[in-house]
Amino acid sequence: MAKARKPGFMNTAALFWRTLAKNALDDYQPELHYMRGPGPKWREKHGLAASEPDSEPPILVKTMA
């Protein structure tokens, strides 16, 4: 019966480089897919009205500094 061998340096280095390449080339950005709050279907289901915008938008003033 053969002895079980420990992973060698080359196997460890190959695993490291594969993991590094996979993470470096992965372009998935989960923050782009996060919900920003309940949507209209959720509000309808829970009997809540959609939030109404303010009656007047804020006034933006450009100041010189």
PDB file of N, CA and C in Angstrom:
ATOM      1  N   MET A   1       0.848  -1.171   0.000  1.00  0.00           N
ATOM      2  CA  MET A   1       0.000   0.000   0.000  1.00  0.00           C
ATOM      3  C   MET A   1       0.902   1.247   0.000  1.00  0.00           C
ATOM      4  N   ALA A   2       0.608   2.220  -0.849  1.00  0.00           N
ATOM      5  CA  ALA A   2       1.440   3.414  -0.979  1.00  0.00           C
ATOM      6  C   ALA A   2       1.095   4.422   0.116  1.00  0.00           C
ATOM      7  N   LYS A   3       2.125   5.161   0.522  1.00  0.00           N
ATOM      8  CA  LYS A   3       1.928   6.203   1.522  1.00  0.00           C
ATOM      9  C   LYS A   3       1.240   7.416   0.884  1.00  0.00           C
ATOM     10  N   ALA A   4       0.427   8.092   1.665  1.00  0.00           N
ATOM     11  CA  ALA A   4      -0.186   9.333   1.192  1.00  0.00           C
ATOM     12  C   ALA A   4       0.877  10.425   1.266  1.00  0.00           C
ATOM     13  N   ARG A   5       1.062  11.150   0.161  1.00  0.00           N
ATOM     14  CA  ARG A   5       2.089  12.189   0.119  1.00  0.00           C
ATOM     15  C   ARG A   5       1.482  13.544   0.451  1.00  0.00           C
ATOM     16  N   LYS A   6       2.281  14.362   1.098  1.00  0.00           N
ATOM     17  CA  LYS A   6       1.870  15.730   1.375  1.00  0.00           C
ATOM     18  C   LYS A   6       1.964  16.527   0.081  1.00  0.00           C
ATOM     19  N   PRO A   7       1.118  17.544  -0.073  1.00  0.00           N
ATOM     20  CA  PRO A   7       1.243  18.378  -1.258  1.00  0.00           C
ATOM     21  C   PRO A   7       2.616  19.055  -1.273  1.00  0.00           C
ATOM     22  N   GLY A   8       3.273  19.015  -2.410  1.00  0.00           N
ATOM     23  CA  GLY A   8       4.594  19.608  -2.529  1.00  0.00           C
ATOM     24  C   GLY A   8       4.519  21.092  -2.833  1.00  0.00           C
ATOM     25  N   PHE A   9       5.703  21.674  -2.915  1.00  0.00           N
ATOM     26  CA  PHE A   9       5.801  23.099  -3.181  1.00  0.00           C
ATOM     27  C   PHE A   9       5.155  23.453  -4.516  1.00  0.00           C
ATOM     28  N   MET A  10       5.384  22.652  -5.534  1.00  0.00           N
ATOM     29  CA  MET A  10       4.850  22.953  -6.866  1.00  0.00           C
ATOM     30  C   MET A  10       3.316  22.917  -6.858  1.00  0.00           C
ATOM     31  N   ASN A  11       2.731  21.956  -6.157  1.00  0.00           N
ATOM     32  CA  ASN A  11       1.269  21.895  -6.064  1.00  0.00           C
ATOM     33  C   ASN A  11       0.714  23.102  -5.319  1.00  0.00           C
ATOM     34  N   THR A  12       1.388  23.489  -4.244  1.00  0.00           N
ATOM     35  CA  THR A  12       0.957  24.651  -3.473  1.00  0.00           C
ATOM     36  C   THR A  12       1.087  25.925  -4.302  1.00  0.00           C
ATOM     37  N   ALA A  13       2.210  26.068  -5.024  1.00  0.00           N
ATOM     38  CA  ALA A  13       2.417  27.245  -5.865  1.00  0.00           C
ATOM     39  C   ALA A  13       1.381  27.291  -6.991  1.00  0.00           C
ATOM     40  N   ALA A  14       1.090  26.149  -7.604  1.00  0.00           N
ATOM     41  CA  ALA A  14       0.100  26.114  -8.686  1.00  0.00           C
ATOM     42  C   ALA A  14      -1.278  26.502  -8.164  1.00  0.00           C
ATOM     43  N   LEU A  15      -1.648  26.004  -7.003  1.00  0.00           N
ATOM     44  CA  LEU A  15      -2.933  26.354  -6.404  1.00  0.00           C
ATOM     45  C   LEU A  15      -2.996  27.852  -6.113  1.00  0.00           C
ATOM     46  N   PHE A  16      -1.910  28.402  -5.589  1.00  0.00           N
ATOM     47  CA  PHE A  16      -1.847  29.828  -5.298  1.00  0.00           C
ATOM     48  C   PHE A  16      -2.065  30.645  -6.572  1.00  0.00           C
ATOM     49  N   TRP A  17      -1.352  30.309  -7.648  1.00  0.00           N
ATOM     50  CA  TRP A  17      -1.468  31.074  -8.895  1.00  0.00           C
ATOM     51  C   TRP A  17      -2.841  30.926  -9.525  1.00  0.00           C
ATOM     52  N   ARG A  18      -3.427  29.728  -9.456  1.00  0.00           N
ATOM     53  CA  ARG A  18      -4.789  29.535  -9.994  1.00  0.00           C
ATOM     54  C   ARG A  18      -5.785  30.394  -9.232  1.00  0.00           C
ATOM     55  N   THR A  19      -5.676  30.413  -7.916  1.00  0.00           N
ATOM     56  CA  THR A  19      -6.581  31.206  -7.086  1.00  0.00           C
ATOM     57  C   THR A  19      -6.386  32.698  -7.352  1.00  0.00           C
ATOM     58  N   LEU A  20      -5.132  33.115  -7.448  1.00  0.00           N
ATOM     59  CA  LEU A  20      -4.827  34.520  -7.713  1.00  0.00           C
ATOM     60  C   LEU A  20      -5.395  34.943  -9.072  1.00  0.00           C
ATOM     61  N   ALA A  21      -5.193  34.153 -10.100  1.00  0.00           N
ATOM     62  CA  ALA A  21      -5.689  34.478 -11.441  1.00  0.00           C
ATOM     63  C   ALA A  21      -7.209  34.501 -11.461  1.00  0.00           C
ATOM     64  N   LYS A  22      -7.840  33.554 -10.804  1.00  0.00           N
ATOM     65  CA  LYS A  22      -9.301  33.506 -10.780  1.00  0.00           C
ATOM     66  C   LYS A  22      -9.863  34.759 -10.120  1.00  0.00           C
ATOM     67  N   ASN A  23      -9.286  35.163  -8.994  1.00  0.00           N
ATOM     68  CA  ASN A  23      -9.776  36.339  -8.282  1.00  0.00           C
ATOM     69  C   ASN A  23      -9.459  37.636  -9.022  1.00  0.00           C
ATOM     70  N   ALA A  24      -8.321  37.694  -9.690  1.00  0.00           N
ATOM     71  CA  ALA A  24      -7.929  38.906 -10.403  1.00  0.00           C
ATOM     72  C   ALA A  24      -8.776  39.118 -11.652  1.00  0.00           C
ATOM     73  N   LEU A  25      -9.199  38.032 -12.287  1.00  0.00           N
ATOM     74  CA  LEU A  25      -9.942  38.143 -13.541  1.00  0.00           C
ATOM     75  C   LEU A  25     -11.451  38.104 -13.352  1.00  0.00           C
ATOM     76  N   ASP A  26     -11.899  37.909 -12.134  1.00  0.00           N
ATOM     77  CA  ASP A  26     -13.329  37.842 -11.853  1.00  0.00           C
ATOM     78  C   ASP A  26     -13.903  39.253 -11.864  1.00  0.00           C
ATOM     79  N   ASP A  27     -14.799  39.543 -12.808  1.00  0.00           N
ATOM     80  CA  ASP A  27     -15.337  40.898 -12.918  1.00  0.00           C
ATOM     81  C   ASP A  27     -16.713  41.050 -12.271  1.00  0.00           C
ATOM     82  N   TYR A  28     -17.152  40.053 -11.525  1.00  0.00           N
ATOM     83  CA  TYR A  28     -18.441  40.147 -10.836  1.00  0.00           C
ATOM     84  C   TYR A  28     -18.338  41.149  -9.703  1.00  0.00           C
ATOM     85  N   GLN A  29     -19.235  42.119  -9.676  1.00  0.00           N
ATOM     86  CA  GLN A  29     -19.246  43.141  -8.641  1.00  0.00           C
ATOM     87  C   GLN A  29     -20.596  43.090  -7.925  1.00  0.00           C
ATOM     88  N   PRO A  30     -20.665  42.394  -6.803  1.00  0.00           N
ATOM     89  CA  PRO A  30     -21.953  42.214  -6.141  1.00  0.00           C
ATOM     90  C   PRO A  30     -22.605  43.514  -5.704  1.00  0.00           C
ATOM     91  N   GLU A  31     -21.822  44.550  -5.433  1.00  0.00           N
ATOM     92  CA  GLU A  31     -22.426  45.807  -4.994  1.00  0.00           C
ATOM     93  C   GLU A  31     -23.316  46.410  -6.074  1.00  0.00           C
ATOM     94  N   LEU A  32     -23.125  46.017  -7.337  1.00  0.00           N
ATOM     95  CA  LEU A  32     -23.983  46.517  -8.410  1.00  0.00           C
ATOM     96  C   LEU A  32     -25.341  45.815  -8.433  1.00  0.00           C
ATOM     97  N   HIS A  33     -25.464  44.701  -7.710  1.00  0.00           N
ATOM     98  CA  HIS A  33     -26.693  43.918  -7.738  1.00  0.00           C
ATOM     99  C   HIS A  33     -27.501  44.015  -6.456  1.00  0.00           C
ATOM    100  N   TYR A  34     -27.022  44.766  -5.483  1.00  0.00           N
ATOM    101  CA  TYR A  34     -27.748  44.883  -4.228  1.00  0.00           C
ATOM    102  C   TYR A  34     -29.015  45.700  -4.425  1.00  0.00           C
ATOM    103  N   MET A  35     -30.058  45.316  -3.714  1.00  0.00           N
ATOM    104  CA  MET A  35     -31.293  46.095  -3.754  1.00  0.00           C
ATOM    105  C   MET A  35     -31.097  47.375  -2.958  1.00  0.00           C
ATOM    106  N   ARG A  36     -31.751  48.410  -3.388  1.00  0.00           N
ATOM    107  CA  ARG A  36     -31.630  49.690  -2.696  1.00  0.00           C
ATOM    108  C   ARG A  36     -32.844  49.974  -1.828  1.00  0.00           C
ATOM    109  N   GLY A  37     -33.699  49.018  -1.672  1.00  0.00           N
ATOM    110  CA  GLY A  37     -34.879  49.195  -0.835  1.00  0.00           C
ATOM    111  C   GLY A  37     -36.053  48.457  -1.438  1.00  0.00           C
ATOM    112  N   PRO A  38     -37.155  48.411  -0.731  1.00  0.00           N
ATOM    113  CA  PRO A  38     -38.324  47.706  -1.234  1.00  0.00           C
ATOM    114  C   PRO A  38     -38.850  48.352  -2.514  1.00  0.00           C
ATOM    115  N   GLY A  39     -39.268  47.527  -3.432  1.00  0.00           N
ATOM    116  CA  GLY A  39     -39.798  48.025  -4.690  1.00  0.00           C
ATOM    117  C   GLY A  39     -41.314  48.146  -4.658  1.00  0.00           C
ATOM    118  N   PRO A  40     -41.906  48.505  -5.784  1.00  0.00           N
ATOM    119  CA  PRO A  40     -43.353  48.724  -5.826  1.00  0.00           C
ATOM    120  C   PRO A  40     -44.166  47.465  -5.549  1.00  0.00           C
ATOM    121  N   LYS A  41     -43.676  46.299  -5.962  1.00  0.00           N
ATOM    122  CA  LYS A  41     -44.415  45.048  -5.689  1.00  0.00           C
ATOM    123  C   LYS A  41     -44.459  44.765  -4.187  1.00  0.00           C
ATOM    124  N   TRP A  42     -43.345  45.003  -3.495  1.00  0.00           N
ATOM    125  CA  TRP A  42     -43.304  44.770  -2.060  1.00  0.00           C
ATOM    126  C   TRP A  42     -44.258  45.734  -1.356  1.00  0.00           C
ATOM    127  N   ARG A  43     -44.239  47.009  -1.765  1.00  0.00           N
ATOM    128  CA  ARG A  43     -45.126  47.999  -1.153  1.00  0.00           C
ATOM    129  C   ARG A  43     -46.588  47.631  -1.377  1.00  0.00           C
ATOM    130  N   GLU A  44     -46.896  47.173  -2.595  1.00  0.00           N
ATOM    131  CA  GLU A  44     -48.274  46.780  -2.905  1.00  0.00           C
ATOM    132  C   GLU A  44     -48.696  45.596  -2.040  1.00  0.00           C
ATOM    133  N   LYS A  45     -47.810  44.631  -1.883  1.00  0.00           N
ATOM    134  CA  LYS A  45     -48.111  43.436  -1.096  1.00  0.00           C
ATOM    135  C   LYS A  45     -48.339  43.774   0.374  1.00  0.00           C
ATOM    136  N   HIS A  46     -47.579  44.736   0.908  1.00  0.00           N
ATOM    137  CA  HIS A  46     -47.674  45.084   2.318  1.00  0.00           C
ATOM    138  C   HIS A  46     -48.586  46.277   2.595  1.00  0.00           C
ATOM    139  N   GLY A  47     -49.271  46.761   1.579  1.00  0.00           N
ATOM    140  CA  GLY A  47     -50.251  47.820   1.769  1.00  0.00           C
ATOM    141  C   GLY A  47     -49.656  49.179   2.094  1.00  0.00           C
ATOM    142  N   LEU A  48     -48.473  49.446   1.618  1.00  0.00           N
ATOM    143  CA  LEU A  48     -47.841  50.739   1.867  1.00  0.00           C
ATOM    144  C   LEU A  48     -47.841  51.562   0.590  1.00  0.00           C
ATOM    145  N   ALA A  49     -48.025  52.848   0.759  1.00  0.00           N
ATOM    146  CA  ALA A  49     -47.984  53.743  -0.398  1.00  0.00           C
ATOM    147  C   ALA A  49     -46.532  54.013  -0.763  1.00  0.00           C
ATOM    148  N   ALA A  50     -46.304  54.263  -2.023  1.00  0.00           N
ATOM    149  CA  ALA A  50     -44.956  54.624  -2.462  1.00  0.00           C
ATOM    150  C   ALA A  50     -44.584  55.943  -1.805  1.00  0.00           C
ATOM    151  N   SER A  51     -43.331  56.067  -1.454  1.00  0.00           N
ATOM    152  CA  SER A  51     -42.911  57.311  -0.803  1.00  0.00           C
ATOM    153  C   SER A  51     -43.068  58.467  -1.778  1.00  0.00           C
ATOM    154  N   GLU A  52     -43.668  59.531  -1.284  1.00  0.00           N
ATOM    155  CA  GLU A  52     -43.928  60.682  -2.132  1.00  0.00           C
ATOM    156  C   GLU A  52     -42.742  61.633  -2.072  1.00  0.00           C
ATOM    157  N   PRO A  53     -42.346  62.181  -3.203  1.00  0.00           N
ATOM    158  CA  PRO A  53     -41.235  63.127  -3.185  1.00  0.00           C
ATOM    159  C   PRO A  53     -41.648  64.418  -2.490  1.00  0.00           C
ATOM    160  N   ASP A  54     -40.675  65.170  -2.040  1.00  0.00           N
ATOM    161  CA  ASP A  54     -40.956  66.462  -1.402  1.00  0.00           C
ATOM    162  C   ASP A  54     -41.710  67.355  -2.380  1.00  0.00           C
ATOM    163  N   SER A  55     -42.533  68.254  -1.843  1.00  0.00           N
ATOM    164  CA  SER A  55     -43.314  69.130  -2.710  1.00  0.00           C
ATOM    165  C   SER A  55     -42.414  70.068  -3.508  1.00  0.00           C
ATOM    166  N   GLU A  56     -41.320  70.492  -2.918  1.00  0.00           N
ATOM    167  CA  GLU A  56     -40.393  71.365  -3.631  1.00  0.00           C
ATOM    168  C   GLU A  56     -39.004  70.746  -3.601  1.00  0.00           C
ATOM    169  N   PRO A  57     -38.344  70.720  -4.746  1.00  0.00           N
ATOM    170  CA  PRO A  57     -36.982  70.170  -4.739  1.00  0.00           C
ATOM    171  C   PRO A  57     -36.024  71.124  -4.027  1.00  0.00           C
ATOM    172  N   PRO A  58     -34.945  70.620  -3.468  1.00  0.00           N
ATOM    173  CA  PRO A  58     -34.011  71.503  -2.770  1.00  0.00           C
ATOM    174  C   PRO A  58     -33.365  72.472  -3.761  1.00  0.00           C
ATOM    175  N   ILE A  59     -33.079  73.662  -3.275  1.00  0.00           N
ATOM    176  CA  ILE A  59     -32.439  74.681  -4.099  1.00  0.00           C
ATOM    177  C   ILE A  59     -30.928  74.517  -3.977  1.00  0.00           C
ATOM    178  N   LEU A  60     -30.280  74.366  -5.123  1.00  0.00           N
ATOM    179  CA  LEU A  60     -28.843  74.219  -5.124  1.00  0.00           C
ATOM    180  C   LEU A  60     -28.225  75.553  -5.546  1.00  0.00           C
ATOM    181  N   VAL A  61     -27.334  76.047  -4.727  1.00  0.00           N
ATOM    182  CA  VAL A  61     -26.728  77.346  -4.990  1.00  0.00           C
ATOM    183  C   VAL A  61     -25.225  77.135  -5.172  1.00  0.00           C
ATOM    184  N   LYS A  62     -24.685  77.662  -6.240  1.00  0.00           N
ATOM    185  CA  LYS A  62     -23.260  77.572  -6.471  1.00  0.00           C
ATOM    186  C   LYS A  62     -22.602  78.755  -5.756  1.00  0.00           C
ATOM    187  N   THR A  63     -21.657  78.436  -4.874  1.00  0.00           N
ATOM    188  CA  THR A  63     -20.980  79.489  -4.144  1.00  0.00           C
ATOM    189  C   THR A  63     -19.561  79.645  -4.680  1.00  0.00           C
ATOM    190  N   MET A  64     -19.046  80.836  -4.574  1.00  0.00           N
ATOM    191  CA  MET A  64     -17.655  81.084  -4.987  1.00  0.00           C
ATOM    192  C   MET A  64     -16.802  81.117  -3.744  1.00  0.00           C
ATOM    193  N   ALA A  65     -15.767  80.329  -3.743  1.00  0.00           N
ATOM    194  CA  ALA A  65     -14.891  80.275  -2.575  1.00  0.00           C
ATOM    195  C   ALA A  65     -13.505  80.739  -2.916  1.00  0.00           C
TER     196      ALA A  65
END
